[in-house]
Amino acid sequence: MRRRGLLAVFCALSLGACPDDQAQDPLDPALLIELSEAGGDGRGEALGGRYVTAADVLECDCPPRMGVDLCGPVGAAQLIGINGPARLVQVDGWLTYEPEVAALPWALSGAVNRDRSFALGGISGLAVGLFTVGLYARFDGEFTVDGLHGELAHRLLGELPDGPVDCRTTYAVTGVLAPDT
């Protein structure tokens, strides 16, 4: 604590020696809203469809809750439904991503570009009695010849029956286009 105070004094006395601003939280609510409302320069509808996605945990600071290891292979990935089918809809420079099977209903939206990259964001919530959880998420990636890949980060914030929760998980996500039936 004292070290931060000394650093602040040093920064104030030596103009230009300190960065102008600190790195923005990638899951900052204002940034997620901005991402969800942004459009890109991609055109058409060709990237949309039903994809089957799979995720590997890259980082996780979630403690076990209600007997579930939220960082485990099932955990939060099952809760938010990123291991399974998802519907992606492209309309010109806009893209939405919505898992079809999730315990917490949620969706992301944002920009898709001509180079096939995308940046999506969203905030969702679920309130059932005393159980209230918010899901703050962003998905950055690109479409490939075989499907899609990217990095999805989310934050669970709220109140579970066994107490408060505030944790983050980052996944490497891949997806393949599934034939519509």
C-alpha atoms as a PDB file:
ATOM      1  CA  MET A   1       0.000   0.000   0.000  1.00  0.00           C
ATOM      2  CA  ARG A   2       2.780   2.412   0.936  1.00  0.00           C
ATOM      3  CA  ARG A   3       4.661   1.530  -2.257  1.00  0.00           C
ATOM      4  CA  ARG A   4       1.669   2.567  -4.406  1.00  0.00           C
ATOM      5  CA  GLY A   5       1.543   5.896  -2.592  1.00  0.00           C
ATOM      6  CA  LEU A   6       5.230   6.530  -3.255  1.00  0.00           C
ATOM      7  CA  LEU A   7       4.766   5.570  -6.903  1.00  0.00           C
ATOM      8  CA  ALA A   8       1.869   8.022  -7.216  1.00  0.00           C
ATOM      9  CA  VAL A   9       3.972  10.825  -5.711  1.00  0.00           C
ATOM     10  CA  PHE A  10       6.851   9.983  -8.048  1.00  0.00           C
ATOM     11  CA  CYS A  11       4.484  10.023 -11.039  1.00  0.00           C
ATOM     12  CA  ALA A  12       3.027  13.359 -10.028  1.00  0.00           C
ATOM     13  CA  LEU A  13       6.469  14.954  -9.579  1.00  0.00           C
ATOM     14  CA  SER A  14       7.997  13.613 -12.799  1.00  0.00           C
ATOM     15  CA  LEU A  15       5.573  14.529 -15.552  1.00  0.00           C
ATOM     16  CA  GLY A  16       5.563  12.032 -18.374  1.00  0.00           C
ATOM     17  CA  ALA A  17       7.262   9.289 -16.376  1.00  0.00           C
ATOM     18  CA  CYS A  18       4.038   7.402 -15.786  1.00  0.00           C
ATOM     19  CA  PRO A  19       1.558   5.909 -18.203  1.00  0.00           C
ATOM     20  CA  ASP A  20      -1.414   8.144 -18.991  1.00  0.00           C
ATOM     21  CA  ASP A  21      -3.943   5.450 -18.260  1.00  0.00           C
ATOM     22  CA  GLN A  22      -3.981   1.961 -16.932  1.00  0.00           C
ATOM     23  CA  ALA A  23      -5.008  -1.034 -19.029  1.00  0.00           C
ATOM     24  CA  GLN A  24      -8.773  -1.313 -19.307  1.00  0.00           C
ATOM     25  CA  ASP A  25     -10.414  -4.410 -17.877  1.00  0.00           C
ATOM     26  CA  PRO A  26     -11.418  -6.538 -20.912  1.00  0.00           C
ATOM     27  CA  LEU A  27     -14.667  -7.374 -19.083  1.00  0.00           C
ATOM     28  CA  ASP A  28     -15.494  -3.787 -18.098  1.00  0.00           C
ATOM     29  CA  PRO A  29     -19.284  -3.363 -18.495  1.00  0.00           C
ATOM     30  CA  ALA A  30     -18.935  -0.157 -20.570  1.00  0.00           C
ATOM     31  CA  LEU A  31     -16.511  -1.901 -22.932  1.00  0.00           C
ATOM     32  CA  LEU A  32     -18.807  -4.933 -23.264  1.00  0.00           C
ATOM     33  CA  ILE A  33     -21.736  -2.682 -24.174  1.00  0.00           C
ATOM     34  CA  GLU A  34     -19.551  -0.871 -26.704  1.00  0.00           C
ATOM     35  CA  LEU A  35     -18.465  -4.195 -28.250  1.00  0.00           C
ATOM     36  CA  SER A  36     -22.042  -5.496 -28.373  1.00  0.00           C
ATOM     37  CA  GLU A  37     -23.227  -2.395 -30.236  1.00  0.00           C
ATOM     38  CA  ALA A  38     -20.331  -2.190 -32.713  1.00  0.00           C
ATOM     39  CA  GLY A  39     -20.646  -3.209 -36.327  1.00  0.00           C
ATOM     40  CA  GLY A  40     -17.862  -4.301 -38.626  1.00  0.00           C
ATOM     41  CA  ASP A  41     -17.172  -4.097 -42.336  1.00  0.00           C
ATOM     42  CA  GLY A  42     -18.077  -7.726 -43.113  1.00  0.00           C
ATOM     43  CA  ARG A  43     -20.889  -8.172 -45.624  1.00  0.00           C
ATOM     44  CA  GLY A  44     -23.442 -10.874 -46.243  1.00  0.00           C
ATOM     45  CA  GLU A  45     -24.651 -13.821 -44.178  1.00  0.00           C
ATOM     46  CA  ALA A  46     -22.201 -16.567 -45.199  1.00  0.00           C
ATOM     47  CA  LEU A  47     -20.511 -16.943 -41.794  1.00  0.00           C
ATOM     48  CA  GLY A  48     -23.729 -17.599 -39.906  1.00  0.00           C
ATOM     49  CA  GLY A  49     -25.084 -21.016 -39.052  1.00  0.00           C
ATOM     50  CA  ARG A  50     -25.163 -23.663 -36.380  1.00  0.00           C
ATOM     51  CA  TYR A  51     -21.722 -24.431 -34.973  1.00  0.00           C
ATOM     52  CA  VAL A  52     -20.645 -27.095 -32.509  1.00  0.00           C
ATOM     53  CA  THR A  53     -18.141 -25.491 -30.150  1.00  0.00           C
ATOM     54  CA  ALA A  54     -15.612 -26.947 -27.736  1.00  0.00           C
ATOM     55  CA  ALA A  55     -13.619 -25.079 -25.112  1.00  0.00           C
ATOM     56  CA  ASP A  56     -10.443 -25.614 -23.123  1.00  0.00           C
ATOM     57  CA  VAL A  57      -9.845 -23.650 -19.916  1.00  0.00           C
ATOM     58  CA  LEU A  58      -6.846 -21.322 -20.246  1.00  0.00           C
ATOM     59  CA  GLU A  59      -7.217 -19.476 -16.933  1.00  0.00           C
ATOM     60  CA  CYS A  60      -9.696 -19.705 -14.078  1.00  0.00           C
ATOM     61  CA  ASP A  61      -9.907 -18.244 -10.594  1.00  0.00           C
ATOM     62  CA  CYS A  62     -13.333 -19.650  -9.712  1.00  0.00           C
ATOM     63  CA  PRO A  63     -13.572 -21.617  -6.473  1.00  0.00           C
ATOM     64  CA  PRO A  64     -15.736 -24.741  -6.275  1.00  0.00           C
ATOM     65  CA  ARG A  65     -19.343 -23.730  -5.633  1.00  0.00           C
ATOM     66  CA  MET A  66     -22.328 -25.838  -4.595  1.00  0.00           C
ATOM     67  CA  GLY A  67     -20.276 -29.010  -5.163  1.00  0.00           C
ATOM     68  CA  VAL A  68     -19.239 -28.001  -8.707  1.00  0.00           C
ATOM     69  CA  ASP A  69     -15.664 -27.306  -9.769  1.00  0.00           C
ATOM     70  CA  LEU A  70     -16.272 -24.222 -11.920  1.00  0.00           C
ATOM     71  CA  CYS A  71     -12.727 -24.492 -13.333  1.00  0.00           C
ATOM     72  CA  GLY A  72     -13.060 -28.183 -14.183  1.00  0.00           C
ATOM     73  CA  PRO A  73     -13.858 -29.718 -17.552  1.00  0.00           C
ATOM     74  CA  VAL A  74     -17.597 -29.523 -16.845  1.00  0.00           C
ATOM     75  CA  GLY A  75     -17.995 -26.580 -14.432  1.00  0.00           C
ATOM     76  CA  ALA A  76     -18.666 -23.149 -15.898  1.00  0.00           C
ATOM     77  CA  ALA A  77     -18.356 -24.397 -19.492  1.00  0.00           C
ATOM     78  CA  GLN A  78     -21.482 -26.479 -18.919  1.00  0.00           C
ATOM     79  CA  LEU A  79     -23.153 -23.641 -17.024  1.00  0.00           C
ATOM     80  CA  ILE A  80     -22.738 -21.275 -19.975  1.00  0.00           C
ATOM     81  CA  GLY A  81     -23.054 -23.959 -22.671  1.00  0.00           C
ATOM     82  CA  ILE A  82     -19.895 -23.358 -24.705  1.00  0.00           C
ATOM     83  CA  ASN A  83     -19.266 -27.081 -25.186  1.00  0.00           C
ATOM     84  CA  GLY A  84     -22.051 -27.817 -27.633  1.00  0.00           C
ATOM     85  CA  PRO A  85     -24.227 -26.309 -30.325  1.00  0.00           C
ATOM     86  CA  ALA A  86     -24.455 -22.554 -30.779  1.00  0.00           C
ATOM     87  CA  ARG A  87     -26.315 -20.413 -33.264  1.00  0.00           C
ATOM     88  CA  LEU A  88     -24.332 -17.676 -35.022  1.00  0.00           C
ATOM     89  CA  VAL A  89     -26.202 -15.131 -37.096  1.00  0.00           C
ATOM     90  CA  GLN A  90     -24.378 -12.758 -39.433  1.00  0.00           C
ATOM     91  CA  VAL A  91     -26.118  -9.796 -41.004  1.00  0.00           C
ATOM     92  CA  ASP A  92     -23.596  -7.702 -42.878  1.00  0.00           C
ATOM     93  CA  GLY A  93     -21.149  -6.326 -40.263  1.00  0.00           C
ATOM     94  CA  TRP A  94     -23.085  -7.709 -37.277  1.00  0.00           C
ATOM     95  CA  LEU A  95     -22.702 -11.096 -35.610  1.00  0.00           C
ATOM     96  CA  THR A  96     -24.574 -12.714 -32.731  1.00  0.00           C
ATOM     97  CA  TYR A  97     -23.492 -15.820 -30.833  1.00  0.00           C
ATOM     98  CA  GLU A  98     -25.954 -17.769 -28.693  1.00  0.00           C
ATOM     99  CA  PRO A  99     -25.335 -21.186 -27.119  1.00  0.00           C
ATOM    100  CA  GLU A 100     -28.339 -23.472 -27.602  1.00  0.00           C
ATOM    101  CA  VAL A 101     -27.980 -25.388 -24.316  1.00  0.00           C
ATOM    102  CA  ALA A 102     -26.974 -23.309 -21.283  1.00  0.00           C
ATOM    103  CA  ALA A 103     -28.029 -23.166 -17.644  1.00  0.00           C
ATOM    104  CA  LEU A 104     -27.673 -19.368 -17.792  1.00  0.00           C
ATOM    105  CA  PRO A 105     -29.372 -17.921 -20.889  1.00  0.00           C
ATOM    106  CA  TRP A 106     -27.036 -15.483 -22.615  1.00  0.00           C
ATOM    107  CA  ALA A 107     -25.918 -14.199 -26.003  1.00  0.00           C
ATOM    108  CA  LEU A 108     -23.160 -12.016 -27.398  1.00  0.00           C
ATOM    109  CA  SER A 109     -23.242  -9.577 -30.284  1.00  0.00           C
ATOM    110  CA  GLY A 110     -20.835  -7.307 -32.083  1.00  0.00           C
ATOM    111  CA  ALA A 111     -18.698  -6.736 -35.123  1.00  0.00           C
ATOM    112  CA  VAL A 112     -17.594  -9.136 -37.827  1.00  0.00           C
ATOM    113  CA  ASN A 113     -15.107  -7.917 -40.398  1.00  0.00           C
ATOM    114  CA  ARG A 114     -14.130  -8.713 -43.991  1.00  0.00           C
ATOM    115  CA  ASP A 115     -10.976 -10.415 -42.747  1.00  0.00           C
ATOM    116  CA  ARG A 116     -13.362 -12.828 -40.911  1.00  0.00           C
ATOM    117  CA  SER A 117     -12.366 -11.592 -37.437  1.00  0.00           C
ATOM    118  CA  PHE A 118     -14.971 -10.821 -34.799  1.00  0.00           C
ATOM    119  CA  ALA A 119     -15.217  -9.085 -31.427  1.00  0.00           C
ATOM    120  CA  LEU A 120     -18.374  -9.760 -29.433  1.00  0.00           C
ATOM    121  CA  GLY A 121     -19.528  -8.666 -25.999  1.00  0.00           C
ATOM    122  CA  GLY A 122     -22.523  -8.943 -23.735  1.00  0.00           C
ATOM    123  CA  ILE A 123     -23.973  -8.822 -20.250  1.00  0.00           C
ATOM    124  CA  SER A 124     -26.651 -11.258 -19.119  1.00  0.00           C
ATOM    125  CA  GLY A 125     -28.218 -12.097 -15.808  1.00  0.00           C
ATOM    126  CA  LEU A 126     -30.351 -14.658 -14.090  1.00  0.00           C
ATOM    127  CA  ALA A 127     -32.439 -14.050 -10.981  1.00  0.00           C
ATOM    128  CA  VAL A 128     -34.327 -16.899  -9.339  1.00  0.00           C
ATOM    129  CA  GLY A 129     -35.427 -16.187  -5.774  1.00  0.00           C
ATOM    130  CA  LEU A 130     -32.303 -15.453  -3.755  1.00  0.00           C
ATOM    131  CA  PHE A 131     -30.062 -16.710  -6.567  1.00  0.00           C
ATOM    132  CA  THR A 132     -28.817 -13.838  -8.771  1.00  0.00           C
ATOM    133  CA  VAL A 133     -25.841 -14.143 -11.118  1.00  0.00           C
ATOM    134  CA  GLY A 134     -24.585 -11.800 -13.800  1.00  0.00           C
ATOM    135  CA  LEU A 135     -22.508 -13.031 -16.719  1.00  0.00           C
ATOM    136  CA  TYR A 136     -20.102 -10.554 -18.302  1.00  0.00           C
ATOM    137  CA  ALA A 137     -18.504 -11.994 -21.445  1.00  0.00           C
ATOM    138  CA  ARG A 138     -16.506 -11.237 -24.549  1.00  0.00           C
ATOM    139  CA  PHE A 139     -15.482 -13.447 -27.446  1.00  0.00           C
ATOM    140  CA  ASP A 140     -12.654 -12.430 -29.777  1.00  0.00           C
ATOM    141  CA  GLY A 141     -11.790 -14.672 -32.683  1.00  0.00           C
ATOM    142  CA  GLU A 142     -11.953 -15.409 -36.371  1.00  0.00           C
ATOM    143  CA  PHE A 143     -13.611 -17.696 -38.842  1.00  0.00           C
ATOM    144  CA  THR A 144     -11.340 -20.193 -40.589  1.00  0.00           C
ATOM    145  CA  VAL A 145     -11.762 -22.560 -43.508  1.00  0.00           C
ATOM    146  CA  ASP A 146     -12.777 -25.298 -41.036  1.00  0.00           C
ATOM    147  CA  GLY A 147     -14.962 -23.249 -38.667  1.00  0.00           C
ATOM    148  CA  LEU A 148     -13.964 -20.720 -36.040  1.00  0.00           C
ATOM    149  CA  HIS A 149     -11.534 -20.249 -33.180  1.00  0.00           C
ATOM    150  CA  GLY A 150     -10.964 -17.612 -30.563  1.00  0.00           C
ATOM    151  CA  GLU A 151     -10.780 -16.718 -26.917  1.00  0.00           C
ATOM    152  CA  LEU A 152     -13.848 -16.299 -24.735  1.00  0.00           C
ATOM    153  CA  ALA A 153     -13.528 -14.629 -21.346  1.00  0.00           C
ATOM    154  CA  HIS A 154     -16.325 -14.395 -18.816  1.00  0.00           C
ATOM    155  CA  ARG A 155     -16.951 -13.183 -15.306  1.00  0.00           C
ATOM    156  CA  LEU A 156     -19.614 -14.589 -12.992  1.00  0.00           C
ATOM    157  CA  LEU A 157     -20.733 -11.979 -10.473  1.00  0.00           C
ATOM    158  CA  GLY A 158     -23.569 -12.277  -8.017  1.00  0.00           C
ATOM    159  CA  GLU A 159     -25.087 -14.290  -5.228  1.00  0.00           C
ATOM    160  CA  LEU A 160     -25.418 -18.073  -5.154  1.00  0.00           C
ATOM    161  CA  PRO A 161     -27.274 -20.057  -2.481  1.00  0.00           C
ATOM    162  CA  ASP A 162     -23.921 -20.767  -0.781  1.00  0.00           C
ATOM    163  CA  GLY A 163     -22.674 -17.160  -0.886  1.00  0.00           C
ATOM    164  CA  PRO A 164     -21.318 -14.477  -3.195  1.00  0.00           C
ATOM    165  CA  VAL A 165     -19.408 -15.275  -6.389  1.00  0.00           C
ATOM    166  CA  ASP A 166     -17.000 -13.091  -8.354  1.00  0.00           C
ATOM    167  CA  CYS A 167     -14.674 -15.049 -10.591  1.00  0.00           C
ATOM    168  CA  ARG A 168     -13.315 -15.198 -14.125  1.00  0.00           C
ATOM    169  CA  THR A 169     -12.557 -17.879 -16.673  1.00  0.00           C
ATOM    170  CA  THR A 170     -10.873 -17.658 -20.063  1.00  0.00           C
ATOM    171  CA  TYR A 171     -11.340 -20.368 -22.689  1.00  0.00           C
ATOM    172  CA  ALA A 172      -9.779 -21.270 -26.011  1.00  0.00           C
ATOM    173  CA  VAL A 173     -12.822 -21.995 -28.176  1.00  0.00           C
ATOM    174  CA  THR A 174     -13.028 -23.868 -31.469  1.00  0.00           C
ATOM    175  CA  GLY A 175     -16.122 -24.526 -33.521  1.00  0.00           C
ATOM    176  CA  VAL A 176     -17.099 -26.418 -36.643  1.00  0.00           C
ATOM    177  CA  LEU A 177     -20.080 -25.684 -38.835  1.00  0.00           C
ATOM    178  CA  ALA A 178     -22.734 -28.351 -38.304  1.00  0.00           C
ATOM    179  CA  PRO A 179     -25.055 -29.374 -41.123  1.00  0.00           C
ATOM    180  CA  ASP A 180     -28.570 -28.121 -40.416  1.00  0.00           C
ATOM    181  CA  THR A 181     -31.071 -30.916 -39.934  1.00  0.00           C
END
